[in-house]
Amino acid sequence: MVATRDLLSASLEDYLKAIHQIVAEKQAARGKDIAQRLGVSNPSVTAALHSLAEKGLINYTPYDIVTLTDRGKEMSEDIMGRHKALRDFFVKVLFVSEDLAGKAACDMEHALPRDILVSLTEFVEFVERSPQCLVEFRERQPSRKISP
């Protein structure tokens, strides 16, 4: 797992994650795709792309496609792994709605230390292998699905 926290702000992590997702869908990203995905202005995207390119995380030339470098891909996968671990925990263990879990995971993924990520992932895997503990937990909870 790569330590992105020392290198990237939460905002730049969001840009890197958006680029990863768009590249996975379309093979390459364009500034307008990134702006649309994140709901930001084109000048904001341009500034972020320059910063990510300076850090060696993306291949970028103005008005051209954007792709991830190997290091950028590794870092974006790390960010997405943190997001998935949190979302899975919220949905599978705490019974939070998918929508709210995704939003909360997005907010929290930037600050999640590696040790906690590993523990959360192991706990979710344990719960999936030992469904009885989850049944007991659910029985002790009010009948609800946490939604926005």
Foldseek 3Di string as FASTA:
>chain_A
DDDCLVPDDLVLLLLLLQQLVVCVVVVWAALVSSCVVVVHDSVVSVVSVVSCVVVVQWDDDPPDTIDGDPVSNVSSVLLVLQLVLQLLCCCVQVQEDSVVSNVVSSVCSSPDDPVVSVVSNVVSVVCVVVVVVSVVVVVPDDPDRHYD
